[in-house]
Structures are given as C-alpha cells and as structure tokens.
C-alpha cells in the first residue's frame, strides 16, 4: 500500500504553478533520435504519516541522491537521481531505474516499491529521453559509492531540508538556463533533478511558500559553496 504522505506525488502529475520550472515540459524536437533512460526518484522514511506535518510528511522522510564524479563526460559533478541509459535487456523504465540504482548505490531493489512512472523528459546535452520512476523505499538497505569513477557521493537527503524556504531559490546559468534549485548537505541541486523535485513538491501537500524571485548566479553560488560562505 502507498503511504498516505506519498499519495499525491504518486497520483498527481508534477506541476509548475509559478511558471519557474522549465524542466517539466521539455520534450525532444520532432524527428530527433533520443536515447531512452530512466532515473529512480526514491522516497524513504516512515510509512506512517505525521498528523502534525504538512501533507503528513514524516520527520525522517528523505530522497536518495548521488553526486556525479567530476570526471564524467556528461553532467560532471552534478547532483542527480540514480539512473542511466536503458539496456536492451531491460523490461521497461522501472527495470532500468532499479538496475542503475543498484549499480550506482548498492541498494537492494527487492525493498523498493515503484509507485508511478512520470512522462519522459528530454535532456538536450546528452540526447537522453529520461523517464522518472517514483518509488517508496519499503525496506532500506545499506548504500554507498560503488564506483568512484561515476559518483563521489550517495546520500539520503532530508525532505524537510529540501522544503525549507531558506534552502530554495532559482539558479541562472550562463548558458541561458534558469530554474528551481536547492542548497542542502553542501550540495547545489539544480537542473533536471531540481526540476523534478520542485514539480513533485508543488503537488505533494508538503510545500512551504518560498521566494521565487530569489535568483542566483550559478558560478557565484558554486564558488560560495566551495568556500563555505553562501550569501542569500
């Protein structure tokens, strides 16, 4: 059974009520040959809701994220959901997401309950058409970096920290991208990953109002993160 606090993110399509999230509607151009891929949006925490919290969000609710190695050819150094390209042997996006997550983090897929599959989202730099698979971690298992050539961190990030308005803003990249971002656990979460999280948060019932007009420069924010001094 889907935990009560995850019912909305598993039944309602991600949303962009403030028109600040360009990720959700990103589709491949007509005639473009895409490469199929999938990511695992894995929520963990108590199956019981907190009756005093927004949307019943438990105090221990979290999401599994990785930080890609700086040597990776695509999206180096970025914070991401575990996932990757589909193999011909994969039986659909759920199988791809679970296989990739196991390879990247060491988790046991048996303890993961898939809840819903979101529409594909096109990633222009890599040409991937990525299917997000939303899931609940019913029986968590130990995780960690499996291959340092692919990831430098594997971490369960608190949803309460991600939802904290002090940790949310928009990021503006020199290449023209602007969209939602989060600053948590000494990591800058932006781009595709932040867009999916922001879209799910918007319909979750957990969200706290945040300042959509707070727009920060990508390079400046990264430099501040490296020095440990982040200016709002």
Foldseek 3Di string as FASTA:
>chain_A
DQQQLCVQLLPPAFDDVPPFFPFQPADDPPPQDAFEKEFEFEKEDDSAFCPVAFSSHDQQIWTKWFAWDQLDPPPHRAIGGFMDTDDPPAPDHVSRHLVRCCQAWVWDCVQKAFRHKHAWTADVVRRHGYIYTYIYRRDTDHTFGNDNNTTDTIDTGGPVQQQPQVFKEWEAEPVGDIHIWGQPPLHIHDDNHRSSVNRSLVRSSRHDDHDHPHYYYPVVQNVCSVVVHGDD
